[in-house]
Amino acid sequence: QLGATNIPAVRAAVQTGQSLGVMRPGGESPVLTH
């Protein structure tokens, strides 16, 4: 019998549960994706 790990797939390069970057000098998002 075969079992399978049930970890969900990851469908994006970067995911954040909150905002990314803040509105102040030097607070821009530090993320770039390919």
Full PDB file with SEQRES, HELIX, SHEET, SSBOND, CRYST1, ORIGX, SCALE, CONECT and MASTER records, all heavy atoms in Angstrom:
SEQRES   1 A   34  GLN LEU GLY ALA THR ASN ILE PRO ALA VAL ARG ALA ALA          
SEQRES   2 A   34  VAL GLN THR GLY GLN SER LEU GLY VAL MET ARG PRO GLY          
SEQRES   3 A   34  GLY GLU SER PRO VAL LEU THR HIS                              
CRYST1    1.000    1.000    1.000  90.00  90.00  90.00 P 1           1          
ORIGX1      1.000000  0.000000  0.000000        0.00000                         
ORIGX2      0.000000  1.000000  0.000000        0.00000                         
ORIGX3      0.000000  0.000000  1.000000        0.00000                         
SCALE1      1.000000  0.000000  0.000000        0.00000                         
SCALE2      0.000000  1.000000  0.000000        0.00000                         
SCALE3      0.000000  0.000000  1.000000        0.00000                         
ATOM      1  N   GLN A   1       0.847  -1.192   0.000  1.00  0.00           N  
ATOM      2  CA  GLN A   1       0.000   0.000   0.000  1.00  0.00           C  
ATOM      3  C   GLN A   1       0.884   1.244   0.000  1.00  0.00           C  
ATOM      4  O   GLN A   1       1.949   1.261   0.625  1.00  0.00           O  
ATOM      5  CB  GLN A   1      -0.905   0.018   1.237  1.00  0.00           C  
ATOM      6  CG  GLN A   1      -1.770  -1.230   1.390  1.00  0.00           C  
ATOM      7  CD  GLN A   1      -2.799  -1.328   0.279  1.00  0.00           C  
ATOM      8  OE1 GLN A   1      -3.655  -0.479   0.145  1.00  0.00           O  
ATOM      9  NE2 GLN A   1      -2.694  -2.375  -0.523  1.00  0.00           N  
ATOM     10  N   LEU A   2       0.422   2.263  -0.690  1.00  0.00           N  
ATOM     11  CA  LEU A   2       1.154   3.519  -0.767  1.00  0.00           C  
ATOM     12  C   LEU A   2       0.383   4.621  -0.046  1.00  0.00           C  
ATOM     13  O   LEU A   2      -0.843   4.716  -0.181  1.00  0.00           O  
ATOM     14  CB  LEU A   2       1.374   3.932  -2.226  1.00  0.00           C  
ATOM     15  CG  LEU A   2       2.121   2.933  -3.114  1.00  0.00           C  
ATOM     16  CD1 LEU A   2       2.304   3.512  -4.509  1.00  0.00           C  
ATOM     17  CD2 LEU A   2       3.455   2.544  -2.518  1.00  0.00           C  
ATOM     18  N   GLY A   3       1.119   5.413   0.713  1.00  0.00           N  
ATOM     19  CA  GLY A   3       0.552   6.603   1.319  1.00  0.00           C  
ATOM     20  C   GLY A   3       1.105   7.836   0.628  1.00  0.00           C  
ATOM     21  O   GLY A   3       2.069   7.766  -0.136  1.00  0.00           O  
ATOM     22  N   ALA A   4       0.504   8.997   0.890  1.00  0.00           N  
ATOM     23  CA  ALA A   4       0.950  10.242   0.268  1.00  0.00           C  
ATOM     24  C   ALA A   4       0.996  11.351   1.305  1.00  0.00           C  
ATOM     25  O   ALA A   4       0.096  11.465   2.135  1.00  0.00           O  
ATOM     26  CB  ALA A   4       0.015  10.641  -0.876  1.00  0.00           C  
ATOM     27  N   THR A   5       2.063  12.130   1.275  1.00  0.00           N  
ATOM     28  CA  THR A   5       2.123  13.309   2.132  1.00  0.00           C  
ATOM     29  C   THR A   5       1.133  14.337   1.589  1.00  0.00           C  
ATOM     30  O   THR A   5       0.982  14.491   0.380  1.00  0.00           O  
ATOM     31  CB  THR A   5       3.530  13.916   2.154  1.00  0.00           C  
ATOM     32  OG1 THR A   5       3.972  14.120   0.808  1.00  0.00           O  
ATOM     33  CG2 THR A   5       4.506  12.994   2.860  1.00  0.00           C  
ATOM     34  N   ASN A   6       0.488  15.033   2.499  1.00  0.00           N  
ATOM     35  CA  ASN A   6      -0.630  15.889   2.108  1.00  0.00           C  
ATOM     36  C   ASN A   6      -0.296  17.367   2.253  1.00  0.00           C  
ATOM     37  O   ASN A   6      -1.149  18.173   2.605  1.00  0.00           O  
ATOM     38  CB  ASN A   6      -1.864  15.546   2.960  1.00  0.00           C  
ATOM     39  CG  ASN A   6      -3.149  16.048   2.327  1.00  0.00           C  
ATOM     40  OD1 ASN A   6      -3.228  16.196   1.117  1.00  0.00           O  
ATOM     41  ND2 ASN A   6      -4.146  16.327   3.138  1.00  0.00           N  
ATOM     42  N   ILE A   7       0.959  17.743   2.013  1.00  0.00           N  
ATOM     43  CA  ILE A   7       1.336  19.156   2.094  1.00  0.00           C  
ATOM     44  C   ILE A   7       0.836  19.877   0.847  1.00  0.00           C  
ATOM     45  O   ILE A   7       1.085  19.437  -0.275  1.00  0.00           O  
ATOM     46  CB  ILE A   7       2.860  19.303   2.227  1.00  0.00           C  
ATOM     47  CG1 ILE A   7       3.322  18.717   3.559  1.00  0.00           C  
ATOM     48  CG2 ILE A   7       3.280  20.752   2.126  1.00  0.00           C  
ATOM     49  CD1 ILE A   7       4.788  18.857   3.812  1.00  0.00           C  
ATOM     50  N   PRO A   8       0.123  20.993   1.007  1.00  0.00           N  
ATOM     51  CA  PRO A   8      -0.413  21.695  -0.156  1.00  0.00           C  
ATOM     52  C   PRO A   8       0.686  22.195  -1.086  1.00  0.00           C  
ATOM     53  O   PRO A   8       1.795  22.523  -0.658  1.00  0.00           O  
ATOM     54  CB  PRO A   8      -1.174  22.878   0.465  1.00  0.00           C  
ATOM     55  CG  PRO A   8      -1.434  22.476   1.880  1.00  0.00           C  
ATOM     56  CD  PRO A   8      -0.276  21.613   2.281  1.00  0.00           C  
ATOM     57  N   ALA A   9       0.354  22.241  -2.354  1.00  0.00           N  
ATOM     58  CA  ALA A   9       1.277  22.799  -3.337  1.00  0.00           C  
ATOM     59  C   ALA A   9       1.494  24.287  -3.072  1.00  0.00           C  
ATOM     60  O   ALA A   9       0.667  24.951  -2.446  1.00  0.00           O  
ATOM     61  CB  ALA A   9       0.721  22.589  -4.742  1.00  0.00           C  
ATOM     62  N   VAL A  10       2.622  24.782  -3.555  1.00  0.00           N  
ATOM     63  CA  VAL A  10       2.946  26.208  -3.417  1.00  0.00           C  
ATOM     64  C   VAL A  10       2.881  26.820  -4.810  1.00  0.00           C  
ATOM     65  O   VAL A  10       3.642  26.436  -5.699  1.00  0.00           O  
ATOM     66  CB  VAL A  10       4.345  26.404  -2.801  1.00  0.00           C  
ATOM     67  CG1 VAL A  10       4.716  27.876  -2.768  1.00  0.00           C  
ATOM     68  CG2 VAL A  10       4.377  25.821  -1.403  1.00  0.00           C  
ATOM     69  N   ARG A  11       1.976  27.795  -4.987  1.00  0.00           N  
ATOM     70  CA  ARG A  11       1.648  28.264  -6.336  1.00  0.00           C  
ATOM     71  C   ARG A  11       2.114  29.685  -6.622  1.00  0.00           C  
ATOM     72  O   ARG A  11       1.642  30.299  -7.574  1.00  0.00           O  
ATOM     73  CB  ARG A  11       0.139  28.135  -6.544  1.00  0.00           C  
ATOM     74  CG  ARG A  11      -0.350  26.683  -6.489  1.00  0.00           C  
ATOM     75  CD  ARG A  11      -1.845  26.602  -6.389  1.00  0.00           C  
ATOM     76  NE  ARG A  11      -2.318  27.069  -5.090  1.00  0.00           N  
ATOM     77  CZ  ARG A  11      -3.608  27.145  -4.758  1.00  0.00           C  
ATOM     78  NH1 ARG A  11      -4.531  26.789  -5.626  1.00  0.00           N  
ATOM     79  NH2 ARG A  11      -3.966  27.578  -3.564  1.00  0.00           N  
ATOM     80  N   ALA A  12       3.020  30.204  -5.831  1.00  0.00           N  
ATOM     81  CA  ALA A  12       3.546  31.554  -6.079  1.00  0.00           C  
ATOM     82  C   ALA A  12       4.965  31.633  -5.558  1.00  0.00           C  
ATOM     83  O   ALA A  12       5.357  30.905  -4.639  1.00  0.00           O  
ATOM     84  CB  ALA A  12       2.667  32.610  -5.416  1.00  0.00           C  
ATOM     85  N   ALA A  13       5.752  32.541  -6.133  1.00  0.00           N  
ATOM     86  CA  ALA A  13       7.137  32.701  -5.710  1.00  0.00           C  
ATOM     87  C   ALA A  13       7.227  33.325  -4.324  1.00  0.00           C  
ATOM     88  O   ALA A  13       8.056  32.932  -3.508  1.00  0.00           O  
ATOM     89  CB  ALA A  13       7.893  33.567  -6.721  1.00  0.00           C  
ATOM     90  N   VAL A  14       6.375  34.304  -4.050  1.00  0.00           N  
ATOM     91  CA  VAL A  14       6.376  35.000  -2.763  1.00  0.00           C  
ATOM     92  C   VAL A  14       4.932  35.179  -2.310  1.00  0.00           C  
ATOM     93  O   VAL A  14       4.079  35.606  -3.098  1.00  0.00           O  
ATOM     94  CB  VAL A  14       7.084  36.361  -2.855  1.00  0.00           C  
ATOM     95  CG1 VAL A  14       6.912  37.146  -1.555  1.00  0.00           C  
ATOM     96  CG2 VAL A  14       8.562  36.185  -3.170  1.00  0.00           C  
ATOM     97  N   GLN A  15       4.659  34.858  -1.038  1.00  0.00           N  
ATOM     98  CA  GLN A  15       3.332  35.047  -0.458  1.00  0.00           C  
ATOM     99  C   GLN A  15       3.489  35.653   0.934  1.00  0.00           C  
ATOM    100  O   GLN A  15       4.282  35.164   1.734  1.00  0.00           O  
ATOM    101  CB  GLN A  15       2.585  33.715  -0.351  1.00  0.00           C  
ATOM    102  CG  GLN A  15       2.439  32.978  -1.670  1.00  0.00           C  
ATOM    103  CD  GLN A  15       1.690  31.669  -1.532  1.00  0.00           C  
ATOM    104  OE1 GLN A  15       0.614  31.606  -0.956  1.00  0.00           O  
ATOM    105  NE2 GLN A  15       2.265  30.596  -2.060  1.00  0.00           N  
ATOM    106  N   THR A  16       2.724  36.714   1.209  1.00  0.00           N  
ATOM    107  CA  THR A  16       2.749  37.332   2.530  1.00  0.00           C  
ATOM    108  C   THR A  16       1.328  37.493   3.048  1.00  0.00           C  
ATOM    109  O   THR A  16       0.421  37.869   2.299  1.00  0.00           O  
ATOM    110  CB  THR A  16       3.433  38.713   2.500  1.00  0.00           C  
ATOM    111  OG1 THR A  16       2.630  39.635   1.752  1.00  0.00           O  
ATOM    112  CG2 THR A  16       4.817  38.626   1.889  1.00  0.00           C  
ATOM    113  N   GLY A  17       1.144  37.231   4.332  1.00  0.00           N  
ATOM    114  CA  GLY A  17      -0.170  37.351   4.948  1.00  0.00           C  
ATOM    115  C   GLY A  17      -0.507  38.753   5.379  1.00  0.00           C  
ATOM    116  O   GLY A  17      -1.623  39.014   5.853  1.00  0.00           O  
ATOM    117  N   GLN A  18       0.436  39.675   5.254  1.00  0.00           N  
ATOM    118  CA  GLN A  18       0.208  41.081   5.584  1.00  0.00           C  
ATOM    119  C   GLN A  18       0.665  41.947   4.414  1.00  0.00           C  
ATOM    120  O   GLN A  18       0.962  41.431   3.329  1.00  0.00           O  
ATOM    121  CB  GLN A  18       0.969  41.456   6.864  1.00  0.00           C  
ATOM    122  CG  GLN A  18       0.571  40.649   8.090  1.00  0.00           C  
ATOM    123  CD  GLN A  18       1.438  40.963   9.297  1.00  0.00           C  
ATOM    124  OE1 GLN A  18       2.287  41.846   9.265  1.00  0.00           O  
ATOM    125  NE2 GLN A  18       1.228  40.218  10.382  1.00  0.00           N  
ATOM    126  N   SER A  19       0.717  43.246   4.629  1.00  0.00           N  
ATOM    127  CA  SER A  19       1.213  44.158   3.592  1.00  0.00           C  
ATOM    128  C   SER A  19       2.704  43.931   3.368  1.00  0.00           C  
ATOM    129  O   SER A  19       3.420  43.405   4.235  1.00  0.00           O  
ATOM    130  CB  SER A  19       0.955  45.613   3.994  1.00  0.00           C  
ATOM    131  OG  SER A  19      -0.442  45.874   4.074  1.00  0.00           O  
ATOM    132  N   LEU A  20       3.173  44.342   2.206  1.00  0.00           N  
ATOM    133  CA  LEU A  20       4.578  44.193   1.841  1.00  0.00           C  
ATOM    134  C   LEU A  20       5.138  45.583   1.542  1.00  0.00           C  
ATOM    135  O   LEU A  20       4.754  46.230   0.565  1.00  0.00           O  
ATOM    136  CB  LEU A  20       4.717  43.284   0.624  1.00  0.00           C  
ATOM    137  CG  LEU A  20       6.130  42.931   0.153  1.00  0.00           C  
ATOM    138  CD1 LEU A  20       6.926  42.286   1.269  1.00  0.00           C  
ATOM    139  CD2 LEU A  20       6.069  42.001  -1.056  1.00  0.00           C  
ATOM    140  N   GLY A  21       6.016  46.058   2.420  1.00  0.00           N  
ATOM    141  CA  GLY A  21       6.528  47.420   2.320  1.00  0.00           C  
ATOM    142  C   GLY A  21       5.658  48.388   3.112  1.00  0.00           C  
ATOM    143  O   GLY A  21       4.482  48.108   3.382  1.00  0.00           O  
ATOM    144  N   VAL A  22       6.250  49.512   3.515  1.00  0.00           N  
ATOM    145  CA  VAL A  22       5.527  50.527   4.294  1.00  0.00           C  
ATOM    146  C   VAL A  22       5.771  51.902   3.678  1.00  0.00           C  
ATOM    147  O   VAL A  22       6.769  52.140   2.999  1.00  0.00           O  
ATOM    148  CB  VAL A  22       5.980  50.530   5.779  1.00  0.00           C  
ATOM    149  CG1 VAL A  22       5.578  49.242   6.460  1.00  0.00           C  
ATOM    150  CG2 VAL A  22       7.490  50.742   5.890  1.00  0.00           C  
ATOM    151  N   MET A  23       4.836  52.823   3.928  1.00  0.00           N  
ATOM    152  CA  MET A  23       4.911  54.173   3.351  1.00  0.00           C  
ATOM    153  C   MET A  23       5.797  55.086   4.195  1.00  0.00           C  
ATOM    154  O   MET A  23       5.327  55.939   4.950  1.00  0.00           O  
ATOM    155  CB  MET A  23       3.501  54.737   3.213  1.00  0.00           C  
ATOM    156  CG  MET A  23       2.716  54.134   2.061  1.00  0.00           C  
ATOM    157  SD  MET A  23       3.475  54.468   0.452  1.00  0.00           S  
ATOM    158  CE  MET A  23       3.278  56.248   0.344  1.00  0.00           C  
ATOM    159  N   ARG A  24       7.106  54.881   4.065  1.00  0.00           N  
ATOM    160  CA  ARG A  24       8.076  55.786   4.672  1.00  0.00           C  
ATOM    161  C   ARG A  24       9.368  55.690   3.869  1.00  0.00           C  
ATOM    162  O   ARG A  24       9.583  54.694   3.156  1.00  0.00           O  
ATOM    163  CB  ARG A  24       8.323  55.422   6.147  1.00  0.00           C  
ATOM    164  CG  ARG A  24       8.991  54.104   6.389  1.00  0.00           C  
ATOM    165  CD  ARG A  24       9.470  53.980   7.837  1.00  0.00           C  
ATOM    166  NE  ARG A  24      10.182  52.738   8.053  1.00  0.00           N  
ATOM    167  CZ  ARG A  24       9.659  51.644   8.573  1.00  0.00           C  
ATOM    168  NH1 ARG A  24       8.385  51.637   8.944  1.00  0.00           N  
ATOM    169  NH2 ARG A  24      10.387  50.557   8.742  1.00  0.00           N  
ATOM    170  N   PRO A  25      10.219  56.679   3.922  1.00  0.00           N  
ATOM    171  CA  PRO A  25      11.461  56.631   3.141  1.00  0.00           C  
ATOM    172  C   PRO A  25      12.257  55.356   3.436  1.00  0.00           C  
ATOM    173  O   PRO A  25      12.512  55.021   4.589  1.00  0.00           O  
ATOM    174  CB  PRO A  25      12.211  57.887   3.603  1.00  0.00           C  
ATOM    175  CG  PRO A  25      11.131  58.819   4.048  1.00  0.00           C  
ATOM    176  CD  PRO A  25      10.075  57.953   4.657  1.00  0.00           C  
ATOM    177  N   GLY A  26      12.629  54.665   2.379  1.00  0.00           N  
ATOM    178  CA  GLY A  26      13.372  53.412   2.538  1.00  0.00           C  
ATOM    179  C   GLY A  26      12.509  52.230   2.915  1.00  0.00           C  
ATOM    180  O   GLY A  26      13.028  51.139   3.156  1.00  0.00           O  
ATOM    181  N   GLY A  27      11.184  52.398   2.941  1.00  0.00           N  
ATOM    182  CA  GLY A  27      10.293  51.320   3.353  1.00  0.00           C  
ATOM    183  C   GLY A  27       9.701  50.532   2.210  1.00  0.00           C  
ATOM    184  O   GLY A  27       8.755  49.760   2.413  1.00  0.00           O  
ATOM    185  N   GLU A  28      10.220  50.684   1.000  1.00  0.00           N  
ATOM    186  CA  GLU A  28       9.661  49.977  -0.151  1.00  0.00           C  
ATOM    187  C   GLU A  28       9.885  48.469  -0.035  1.00  0.00           C  
ATOM    188  O   GLU A  28      10.755  47.997   0.695  1.00  0.00           O  
ATOM    189  CB  GLU A  28      10.278  50.488  -1.458  1.00  0.00           C  
ATOM    190  CG  GLU A  28      11.763  50.192  -1.625  1.00  0.00           C  
ATOM    191  CD  GLU A  28      12.643  51.288  -1.048  1.00  0.00           C  
ATOM    192  OE1 GLU A  28      12.134  52.146  -0.302  1.00  0.00           O  
ATOM    193  OE2 GLU A  28      13.862  51.273  -1.339  1.00  0.00           O  
ATOM    194  N   SER A  29       9.083  47.722  -0.758  1.00  0.00           N  
ATOM    195  CA  SER A  29       9.188  46.254  -0.762  1.00  0.00           C  
ATOM    196  C   SER A  29      10.584  45.824  -1.186  1.00  0.00           C  
ATOM    197  O   SER A  29      11.115  46.316  -2.193  1.00  0.00           O  
ATOM    198  CB  SER A  29       8.152  45.654  -1.711  1.00  0.00           C  
ATOM    199  OG  SER A  29       8.466  44.316  -2.021  1.00  0.00           O  
ATOM    200  N   PRO A  30      11.203  44.884  -0.450  1.00  0.00           N  
ATOM    201  CA  PRO A  30      12.542  44.411  -0.828  1.00  0.00           C  
ATOM    202  C   PRO A  30      12.511  43.158  -1.698  1.00  0.00           C  
ATOM    203  O   PRO A  30      13.510  42.456  -1.802  1.00  0.00           O  
ATOM    204  CB  PRO A  30      13.164  44.098   0.536  1.00  0.00           C  
ATOM    205  CG  PRO A  30      12.008  43.615   1.353  1.00  0.00           C  
ATOM    206  CD  PRO A  30      10.791  44.362   0.871  1.00  0.00           C  
ATOM    207  N   VAL A  31      11.363  42.884  -2.325  1.00  0.00           N  
ATOM    208  CA  VAL A  31      11.165  41.610  -3.023  1.00  0.00           C  
ATOM    209  C   VAL A  31      11.139  41.806  -4.535  1.00  0.00           C  
ATOM    210  O   VAL A  31      10.435  42.691  -5.039  1.00  0.00           O  
ATOM    211  CB  VAL A  31       9.851  40.944  -2.562  1.00  0.00           C  
ATOM    212  CG1 VAL A  31       9.556  39.712  -3.402  1.00  0.00           C  
ATOM    213  CG2 VAL A  31       9.923  40.589  -1.088  1.00  0.00           C  
ATOM    214  N   LEU A  32      11.886  40.969  -5.253  1.00  0.00           N  
ATOM    215  CA  LEU A  32      11.805  40.863  -6.701  1.00  0.00           C  
ATOM    216  C   LEU A  32      11.675  39.387  -7.060  1.00  0.00           C  
ATOM    217  O   LEU A  32      12.345  38.540  -6.458  1.00  0.00           O  
ATOM    218  CB  LEU A  32      13.044  41.453  -7.376  1.00  0.00           C  
ATOM    219  CG  LEU A  32      13.189  42.981  -7.346  1.00  0.00           C  
ATOM    220  CD1 LEU A  32      14.537  43.392  -7.929  1.00  0.00           C  
ATOM    221  CD2 LEU A  32      12.053  43.649  -8.109  1.00  0.00           C  
ATOM    222  N   THR A  33      10.822  39.083  -8.043  1.00  0.00           N  
ATOM    223  CA  THR A  33      10.588  37.678  -8.387  1.00  0.00           C  
ATOM    224  C   THR A  33      10.786  37.426  -9.870  1.00  0.00           C  
ATOM    225  O   THR A  33      10.568  38.301 -10.706  1.00  0.00           O  
ATOM    226  CB  THR A  33       9.165  37.238  -7.997  1.00  0.00           C  
ATOM    227  OG1 THR A  33       8.210  38.014  -8.736  1.00  0.00           O  
ATOM    228  CG2 THR A  33       8.915  37.409  -6.515  1.00  0.00           C  
ATOM    229  N   HIS A  34      11.200  36.207 -10.159  1.00  0.00           N  
ATOM    230  CA  HIS A  34      11.273  35.679 -11.511  1.00  0.00           C  
ATOM    231  C   HIS A  34      10.410  34.417 -11.555  1.00  0.00           C  
ATOM    232  O   HIS A  34      10.347  33.652 -10.587  1.00  0.00           O  
ATOM    233  CB  HIS A  34      12.703  35.267 -11.895  1.00  0.00           C  
ATOM    234  CG  HIS A  34      13.731  36.346 -11.756  1.00  0.00           C  
ATOM    235  ND1 HIS A  34      14.295  36.985 -12.843  1.00  0.00           N  
ATOM    236  CD2 HIS A  34      14.336  36.876 -10.659  1.00  0.00           C  
ATOM    237  CE1 HIS A  34      15.198  37.855 -12.420  1.00  0.00           C  
ATOM    238  NE2 HIS A  34      15.246  37.809 -11.103  1.00  0.00           N  
TER     239      HIS A  34                                                      
MASTER        0    0    0    0    0    0    0    6  238    1    0    3          
END                                                                             
